[in-house]
N, C-alpha and C. Protein backbone atom coordinates (compact mmCIF):
# COMPACT_ATOMS: atom_id res chain seq x y z
N MET A 1 -49.18 45.79 143.27
CA MET A 1 -48.06 45.16 143.92
C MET A 1 -47.02 46.19 144.36
N MET A 2 -47.00 47.35 143.72
CA MET A 2 -46.04 48.39 144.09
C MET A 2 -46.30 48.94 145.49
N ASP A 3 -47.56 48.92 145.94
CA ASP A 3 -47.88 49.44 147.27
C ASP A 3 -47.21 48.64 148.38
N ASP A 4 -46.93 47.38 148.14
CA ASP A 4 -46.25 46.55 149.13
C ASP A 4 -44.86 47.09 149.45
N ILE A 5 -44.24 47.71 148.48
CA ILE A 5 -42.89 48.25 148.68
C ILE A 5 -42.92 49.39 149.69
N TRP A 6 -43.99 50.22 149.64
CA TRP A 6 -44.06 51.41 150.47
C TRP A 6 -44.71 51.19 151.82
N SER A 7 -45.30 50.04 152.04
CA SER A 7 -45.94 49.81 153.34
C SER A 7 -44.87 49.48 154.38
N ARG A 8 -45.05 50.04 155.56
CA ARG A 8 -44.10 49.84 156.66
C ARG A 8 -44.85 49.40 157.90
N ASP A 9 -44.15 48.70 158.73
CA ASP A 9 -44.74 48.23 159.98
C ASP A 9 -44.39 49.22 161.10
N GLU A 10 -44.95 50.42 161.01
CA GLU A 10 -44.71 51.44 162.02
C GLU A 10 -45.94 52.33 162.13
N VAL A 11 -46.02 53.05 163.24
CA VAL A 11 -47.13 53.97 163.46
C VAL A 11 -46.95 55.14 162.50
N GLN A 12 -47.98 55.38 161.70
CA GLN A 12 -47.92 56.44 160.70
C GLN A 12 -48.19 57.81 161.32
N SER A 13 -47.67 58.82 160.70
CA SER A 13 -47.85 60.20 161.15
C SER A 13 -49.33 60.59 161.11
N PRO A 14 -49.78 61.36 162.11
CA PRO A 14 -51.16 61.84 162.11
C PRO A 14 -51.37 63.07 161.23
N CYS A 15 -50.34 63.48 160.51
CA CYS A 15 -50.42 64.68 159.67
C CYS A 15 -51.57 64.58 158.67
N VAL A 16 -52.36 65.65 158.59
CA VAL A 16 -53.46 65.72 157.63
C VAL A 16 -53.22 66.85 156.62
N LYS A 17 -51.99 67.34 156.56
CA LYS A 17 -51.56 68.38 155.63
C LYS A 17 -52.32 69.70 155.80
N ILE A 18 -52.70 69.98 157.03
CA ILE A 18 -53.23 71.30 157.40
C ILE A 18 -52.26 71.81 158.46
N CYS A 19 -51.16 72.35 158.01
CA CYS A 19 -50.06 72.70 158.90
C CYS A 19 -50.11 74.18 159.29
N VAL A 20 -50.88 74.46 160.34
CA VAL A 20 -51.02 75.81 160.87
C VAL A 20 -50.87 75.72 162.38
N VAL A 21 -49.93 76.45 162.92
CA VAL A 21 -49.70 76.42 164.36
C VAL A 21 -50.60 77.45 165.03
N HIS A 22 -51.38 77.00 166.00
CA HIS A 22 -52.27 77.89 166.75
C HIS A 22 -51.42 78.88 167.53
N PRO A 23 -51.73 80.17 167.45
CA PRO A 23 -50.85 81.18 168.04
C PRO A 23 -50.71 81.13 169.56
N THR A 24 -51.72 80.68 170.28
CA THR A 24 -51.60 80.65 171.74
C THR A 24 -51.32 79.25 172.27
N GLU A 25 -51.92 78.24 171.68
CA GLU A 25 -51.73 76.87 172.18
C GLU A 25 -50.44 76.25 171.67
N ARG A 26 -49.90 76.80 170.57
CA ARG A 26 -48.62 76.34 169.98
C ARG A 26 -48.67 74.88 169.55
N ILE A 27 -49.83 74.44 169.05
CA ILE A 27 -49.94 73.11 168.47
C ILE A 27 -50.53 73.25 167.06
N CYS A 28 -50.22 72.26 166.22
CA CYS A 28 -50.73 72.27 164.85
C CYS A 28 -52.23 72.06 164.88
N THR A 29 -52.96 72.90 164.15
CA THR A 29 -54.41 72.77 164.13
C THR A 29 -54.87 71.56 163.32
N GLY A 30 -54.00 71.00 162.51
CA GLY A 30 -54.34 69.82 161.73
C GLY A 30 -54.16 68.52 162.49
N CYS A 31 -52.97 68.30 163.03
CA CYS A 31 -52.66 67.02 163.68
C CYS A 31 -52.60 67.10 165.20
N LEU A 32 -52.64 68.30 165.75
CA LEU A 32 -52.64 68.55 167.20
C LEU A 32 -51.30 68.27 167.89
N ARG A 33 -50.25 68.12 167.11
CA ARG A 33 -48.93 67.92 167.71
C ARG A 33 -48.22 69.25 167.89
N SER A 34 -47.30 69.29 168.86
CA SER A 34 -46.48 70.49 169.04
C SER A 34 -45.37 70.49 167.98
N ILE A 35 -44.73 71.63 167.81
CA ILE A 35 -43.61 71.73 166.86
C ILE A 35 -42.52 70.73 167.24
N ASP A 36 -42.23 70.61 168.52
CA ASP A 36 -41.19 69.66 168.97
C ASP A 36 -41.57 68.22 168.66
N GLU A 37 -42.84 67.88 168.83
CA GLU A 37 -43.30 66.52 168.53
C GLU A 37 -43.23 66.23 167.04
N ILE A 38 -43.57 67.22 166.24
CA ILE A 38 -43.48 67.04 164.79
C ILE A 38 -42.03 66.83 164.37
N ALA A 39 -41.14 67.64 164.92
CA ALA A 39 -39.72 67.53 164.58
C ALA A 39 -39.11 66.20 165.03
N ALA A 40 -39.57 65.68 166.16
CA ALA A 40 -39.00 64.44 166.72
C ALA A 40 -39.64 63.17 166.15
N TRP A 41 -40.72 63.30 165.39
CA TRP A 41 -41.49 62.14 164.94
C TRP A 41 -40.62 61.06 164.30
N SER A 42 -39.72 61.42 163.41
CA SER A 42 -38.92 60.43 162.69
C SER A 42 -37.95 59.68 163.60
N ARG A 43 -37.65 60.24 164.75
CA ARG A 43 -36.73 59.60 165.69
C ARG A 43 -37.44 58.86 166.82
N MET A 44 -38.76 58.96 166.88
CA MET A 44 -39.52 58.34 167.97
C MET A 44 -39.69 56.84 167.73
N SER A 45 -39.75 56.11 168.81
CA SER A 45 -40.02 54.68 168.72
C SER A 45 -41.51 54.47 168.41
N ASN A 46 -41.86 53.28 167.96
CA ASN A 46 -43.28 52.99 167.70
C ASN A 46 -44.11 53.13 168.97
N GLU A 47 -43.54 52.78 170.11
CA GLU A 47 -44.27 52.89 171.38
C GLU A 47 -44.54 54.36 171.71
N ALA A 48 -43.54 55.20 171.52
CA ALA A 48 -43.70 56.63 171.79
C ALA A 48 -44.71 57.25 170.82
N ARG A 49 -44.64 56.84 169.55
CA ARG A 49 -45.60 57.34 168.57
C ARG A 49 -47.02 56.93 168.93
N ALA A 50 -47.20 55.67 169.31
CA ALA A 50 -48.54 55.18 169.67
C ALA A 50 -49.08 55.92 170.88
N ALA A 51 -48.21 56.18 171.87
CA ALA A 51 -48.63 56.92 173.06
C ALA A 51 -49.07 58.34 172.69
N LEU A 52 -48.32 58.96 171.80
CA LEU A 52 -48.67 60.32 171.37
C LEU A 52 -49.99 60.32 170.59
N ILE A 53 -50.17 59.36 169.72
CA ILE A 53 -51.41 59.25 168.96
C ILE A 53 -52.60 59.10 169.91
N ASP A 54 -52.44 58.32 170.97
CA ASP A 54 -53.52 58.13 171.95
C ASP A 54 -53.84 59.43 172.69
N GLU A 55 -52.84 60.28 172.87
CA GLU A 55 -53.01 61.53 173.62
C GLU A 55 -53.65 62.65 172.79
N LEU A 56 -53.48 62.61 171.49
CA LEU A 56 -53.91 63.72 170.63
C LEU A 56 -55.38 64.09 170.75
N PRO A 57 -56.32 63.15 170.82
CA PRO A 57 -57.74 63.55 170.92
C PRO A 57 -58.05 64.43 172.13
N SER A 58 -57.29 64.28 173.20
CA SER A 58 -57.55 65.10 174.39
C SER A 58 -57.16 66.56 174.17
N ARG A 59 -56.38 66.85 173.16
CA ARG A 59 -55.95 68.22 172.86
C ARG A 59 -56.96 68.97 172.01
N GLU A 60 -57.91 68.27 171.43
CA GLU A 60 -58.85 68.89 170.51
C GLU A 60 -59.62 70.04 171.15
N GLY A 61 -59.96 69.91 172.41
CA GLY A 61 -60.70 70.96 173.12
C GLY A 61 -59.93 72.26 173.24
N LEU A 62 -58.61 72.20 173.16
CA LEU A 62 -57.79 73.41 173.26
C LEU A 62 -58.05 74.36 172.09
N LEU A 63 -58.47 73.81 170.97
CA LEU A 63 -58.65 74.63 169.77
C LEU A 63 -60.10 75.00 169.53
N LYS A 64 -61.01 74.57 170.36
CA LYS A 64 -62.43 74.85 170.17
C LYS A 64 -62.81 76.27 170.55
N LYS A 65 -62.03 76.89 171.43
CA LYS A 65 -62.33 78.24 171.87
C LYS A 65 -62.06 79.22 170.74
N ARG A 66 -63.02 80.07 170.49
CA ARG A 66 -62.81 81.10 169.49
C ARG A 66 -62.01 82.23 170.11
N ARG A 67 -61.21 82.86 169.32
CA ARG A 67 -60.39 83.96 169.82
C ARG A 67 -61.09 85.29 169.74
N GLY A 68 -62.28 85.33 169.18
CA GLY A 68 -63.02 86.58 169.20
C GLY A 68 -63.54 87.01 167.86
N GLY A 69 -62.67 87.14 166.89
CA GLY A 69 -63.10 87.57 165.57
C GLY A 69 -63.63 89.00 165.58
N ARG A 70 -64.54 89.27 164.67
CA ARG A 70 -65.09 90.61 164.50
C ARG A 70 -65.80 91.10 165.76
N ASP A 71 -66.57 90.24 166.39
CA ASP A 71 -67.31 90.64 167.58
C ASP A 71 -66.36 91.13 168.69
N ALA A 72 -65.25 90.45 168.90
CA ALA A 72 -64.29 90.86 169.93
C ALA A 72 -63.64 92.18 169.58
N ARG A 73 -63.34 92.38 168.29
CA ARG A 73 -62.73 93.66 167.88
C ARG A 73 -63.69 94.82 168.11
N LEU A 74 -64.96 94.59 167.82
CA LEU A 74 -65.93 95.66 168.02
C LEU A 74 -66.12 95.98 169.49
N LYS A 75 -66.09 94.96 170.34
CA LYS A 75 -66.24 95.18 171.78
C LYS A 75 -65.00 95.85 172.36
N ALA A 76 -63.84 95.54 171.85
CA ALA A 76 -62.59 96.10 172.38
C ALA A 76 -62.43 97.57 172.01
N LYS A 77 -62.91 97.93 170.84
CA LYS A 77 -62.74 99.31 170.38
C LYS A 77 -64.07 99.78 169.84
N PRO A 78 -64.86 100.47 170.67
CA PRO A 78 -66.16 100.95 170.20
C PRO A 78 -66.00 101.92 169.05
N PRO A 79 -66.88 101.84 168.05
CA PRO A 79 -66.76 102.75 166.91
C PRO A 79 -66.99 104.20 167.32
N VAL A 80 -66.27 105.07 166.68
CA VAL A 80 -66.40 106.51 166.93
C VAL A 80 -67.42 107.03 165.93
N LEU A 81 -68.51 107.60 166.43
CA LEU A 81 -69.54 108.13 165.55
C LEU A 81 -69.05 109.38 164.85
N GLY A 82 -69.35 109.48 163.58
CA GLY A 82 -68.98 110.65 162.81
C GLY A 82 -67.55 110.64 162.32
N ALA A 83 -66.75 109.65 162.70
CA ALA A 83 -65.34 109.59 162.25
C ALA A 83 -65.28 109.03 160.85
N LYS A 84 -64.38 109.55 160.05
CA LYS A 84 -64.19 109.05 158.68
C LYS A 84 -62.80 108.59 158.46
């Protein structure tokens, strides 16, 4: 019965508690919202929240590109043979 106290009739945050901002896309890798959208969430209307929730899946492709990792570092700077 205690859960009834905490339930609200509003669009809930898409936060999944993986709060890492992608360095180039500037969106959270967990919920796909921008820093400004995260900050404004508590002041947004239910309609604005619902519209944002509908838009988030389209942003997923922005984070699918790999930034390179080890392979990119090796290609950018060829190893010097004999160097220690």
